[in-house]
Protein backbone atom coordinates (compact mmCIF):
# COMPACT_ATOMS: atom_id res chain seq x y z
CA MET A 1 -34.28 -12.61 9.81
CA SER A 2 -30.85 -14.66 9.11
CA LEU A 3 -27.29 -13.67 10.19
CA ALA A 4 -26.14 -12.87 6.62
CA LEU A 5 -29.16 -10.41 5.89
CA ASN A 6 -28.74 -8.79 9.66
CA TYR A 7 -25.43 -8.49 8.82
CA VAL A 8 -25.76 -6.40 5.53
CA LEU A 9 -28.33 -4.35 6.94
CA ASN A 10 -26.03 -3.38 9.82
CA LEU A 11 -23.54 -2.45 7.25
CA LEU A 12 -25.84 -0.74 5.12
CA THR A 13 -27.19 1.49 8.14
CA ARG A 14 -23.64 3.28 8.17
CA ARG A 15 -22.97 3.63 4.46
CA GLU A 16 -23.80 2.73 0.87
CA TYR A 17 -21.66 0.08 -0.28
CA SER A 18 -21.57 -1.62 -3.61
CA GLU A 19 -22.28 -5.48 -4.26
CA PHE A 20 -18.62 -6.23 -4.48
CA GLU A 21 -17.79 -4.65 -1.28
CA ILE A 22 -20.63 -6.28 0.62
CA ARG A 23 -19.73 -9.75 -0.94
CA CYS A 24 -15.93 -9.32 0.18
CA LYS A 25 -16.65 -7.75 3.78
CA MET A 26 -19.50 -11.32 3.86
CA GLN A 27 -16.64 -13.32 2.31
CA GLU A 28 -14.37 -12.10 5.09
CA LYS A 29 -16.59 -13.23 7.78
CA ASN A 30 -17.01 -16.73 5.99
CA PHE A 31 -20.69 -16.49 5.10
CA SER A 32 -21.80 -19.24 2.43
CA GLU A 33 -22.42 -18.10 -1.41
CA GLN A 34 -26.07 -18.87 -0.86
CA GLU A 35 -26.43 -17.23 2.23
CA ILE A 36 -24.59 -13.35 0.54
CA ASP A 37 -26.49 -13.96 -2.78
CA ASP A 38 -29.95 -14.16 -0.61
CA ALA A 39 -29.56 -11.31 1.43
CA ILE A 40 -27.68 -9.14 -1.09
CA ALA A 41 -30.90 -10.17 -3.65
CA HIS A 42 -33.14 -9.49 -0.55
CA CYS A 43 -31.69 -5.90 -0.31
CA GLN A 44 -31.21 -4.93 -3.70
CA GLN A 45 -35.50 -6.24 -4.17
CA LYS A 46 -36.14 -3.58 -1.29
CA ASN A 47 -33.88 -0.98 -2.78
CA TRP A 48 -31.52 -1.03 0.31
CA GLN A 49 -28.58 -1.80 -1.98
CA ASN A 50 -28.30 -0.31 -5.59
CA ASP A 51 -25.05 0.06 -7.36
CA GLN A 52 -26.27 2.84 -9.49
CA ARG A 53 -27.29 5.09 -6.54
CA PHE A 54 -23.73 3.89 -4.83
CA THR A 55 -21.97 4.95 -8.07
CA GLU A 56 -23.28 8.65 -8.33
CA ASN A 57 -22.50 9.06 -4.22
CA TYR A 58 -19.49 7.99 -4.63
CA LEU A 59 -18.75 10.40 -7.95
CA TYR A 60 -20.01 13.35 -6.28
CA TYR A 61 -18.02 12.08 -2.82
CA ARG A 62 -14.64 11.63 -4.62
CA ALA A 63 -14.87 14.71 -6.85
CA GLN A 64 -15.78 17.38 -3.44
CA ARG A 65 -12.66 15.52 -2.15
CA GLY A 66 -10.71 16.97 -5.29
CA TYR A 67 -10.11 13.85 -7.32
CA GLY A 68 -10.78 13.89 -11.40
CA LEU A 69 -12.76 11.31 -13.56
CA ARG A 70 -9.98 9.29 -14.39
CA ARG A 71 -8.69 8.35 -10.72
CA ILE A 72 -12.54 8.01 -9.39
CA GLN A 73 -13.29 5.67 -12.40
CA GLN A 74 -10.40 3.49 -11.63
CA GLU A 75 -11.37 3.06 -7.81
CA LEU A 76 -14.64 2.36 -9.09
CA ILE A 77 -13.94 -0.58 -11.46
CA HIS A 78 -10.77 -1.89 -9.21
CA ASN A 79 -12.08 -1.44 -5.55
CA LYS A 80 -15.69 -1.10 -5.78
CA GLY A 81 -16.48 -3.74 -8.49
CA ILE A 82 -18.61 -1.23 -10.54
CA ARG A 83 -19.09 -2.35 -14.24
CA ASN A 84 -17.77 0.43 -16.86
CA GLU A 85 -21.57 0.65 -18.09
CA ASP A 86 -22.66 1.53 -14.61
CA ILE A 87 -19.99 4.37 -14.17
CA GLN A 88 -21.34 6.02 -17.59
CA THR A 89 -24.69 5.68 -16.46
CA ALA A 90 -23.96 7.79 -13.36
CA LEU A 91 -21.97 10.50 -15.56
CA LEU A 92 -24.88 10.99 -17.29
CA ASN A 93 -27.26 11.42 -14.44
CA THR A 94 -24.40 13.61 -12.76
CA GLU A 95 -23.83 17.53 -13.51
CA LEU A 96 -20.11 17.68 -12.46
CA ASP A 97 -18.10 20.25 -13.94
CA TRP A 98 -14.59 18.62 -14.09
CA GLU A 99 -12.95 21.55 -15.62
CA ALA A 100 -14.32 23.43 -12.50
CA LEU A 101 -13.60 21.15 -10.04
CA ALA A 102 -9.86 20.73 -11.32
CA LEU A 103 -9.32 24.50 -11.17
CA ALA A 104 -10.81 24.13 -7.30
CA ALA A 105 -8.18 21.36 -6.55
CA LEU A 106 -5.39 23.38 -8.28
CA LYS A 107 -6.31 26.82 -6.02
CA LYS A 108 -6.25 24.89 -3.21
CA LYS A 109 -3.31 23.01 -3.94
CA PHE A 110 -1.30 25.58 -5.70
CA PRO A 111 -2.80 29.00 -4.41
CA ASP A 112 -0.09 30.77 -6.98
CA TYR A 113 -0.42 28.26 -9.76
CA ALA A 114 -1.06 31.28 -12.36
CA THR A 115 2.50 32.77 -11.71
CA LEU A 116 4.75 29.95 -11.84
CA LYS A 117 7.70 30.14 -14.00
CA ASP A 118 10.07 27.47 -13.08
CA PRO A 119 9.53 24.26 -14.90
CA LYS A 120 10.13 21.91 -12.21
CA GLN A 121 7.01 23.64 -10.59
CA LYS A 122 5.08 23.25 -13.68
CA GLN A 123 5.56 19.73 -13.36
CA LYS A 124 5.12 18.94 -9.82
CA VAL A 125 1.76 20.94 -10.55
CA TRP A 126 1.15 18.46 -13.58
CA ARG A 127 2.19 15.47 -11.61
CA TYR A 128 -0.16 16.25 -9.02
CA MET A 129 -3.35 16.64 -11.09
CA LEU A 130 -2.36 13.63 -13.31
CA SER A 131 -2.15 11.69 -10.09
CA HIS A 132 -5.81 13.03 -9.28
CA GLY A 133 -6.87 12.15 -12.02
CA PHE A 134 -7.94 15.01 -13.99
CA ASN A 135 -7.32 15.49 -17.85
CA SER A 136 -4.66 17.85 -19.32
CA GLU A 137 -7.29 20.24 -20.70
CA GLU A 138 -9.17 20.69 -17.77
CA PHE A 139 -6.26 22.43 -15.95
CA ALA A 140 -3.55 23.24 -18.73
CA GLU A 141 -4.73 26.59 -19.49
CA TYR A 142 -4.47 27.63 -15.77
CA VAL A 143 -1.13 26.61 -14.89
CA GLY A 144 1.65 29.50 -15.31
CA ARG A 145 -0.89 31.36 -17.77
CA GLY A 146 2.81 33.85 -19.01
CA GLU A 147 3.27 34.33 -22.51
CA GLU A 148 6.73 32.09 -22.96
CA ASP A 149 4.35 29.16 -21.71
CA ASN A 150 3.29 27.80 -25.07
CA TYR A 151 5.28 24.72 -24.58
CA PHE A 152 3.04 22.71 -22.54
């Protein structure tokens, strides 16, 4: 077994990696492009490395950690090197309720979210939720349910 393949297998025994992550790690270790391509191709042929499986697992993992779809998509594209088409396919295969996840994140961070009246506090909630990748439609109706709160 080649040193490059041994290195990739060592990585994959710990957790799932995207092809992009493996390439970056192998380039840091100064493996040649041919060694990198061969090792990755072998692992993909044996289904030890699969970007689709990685994407689905990453979606579930980050969603359970309190992040919304937009943030997770950004991480997958920019940090993990996953193509948008692969993300869309993974989304079709997963059954995540983004509104329920948004509500859970809102409850965890802001237990009194429904009674907020102060506009500054509401802005803080909105900034938090948007920065965590949730769409406003997924949480807007829950923030400060008072009757005079129709301006959001």
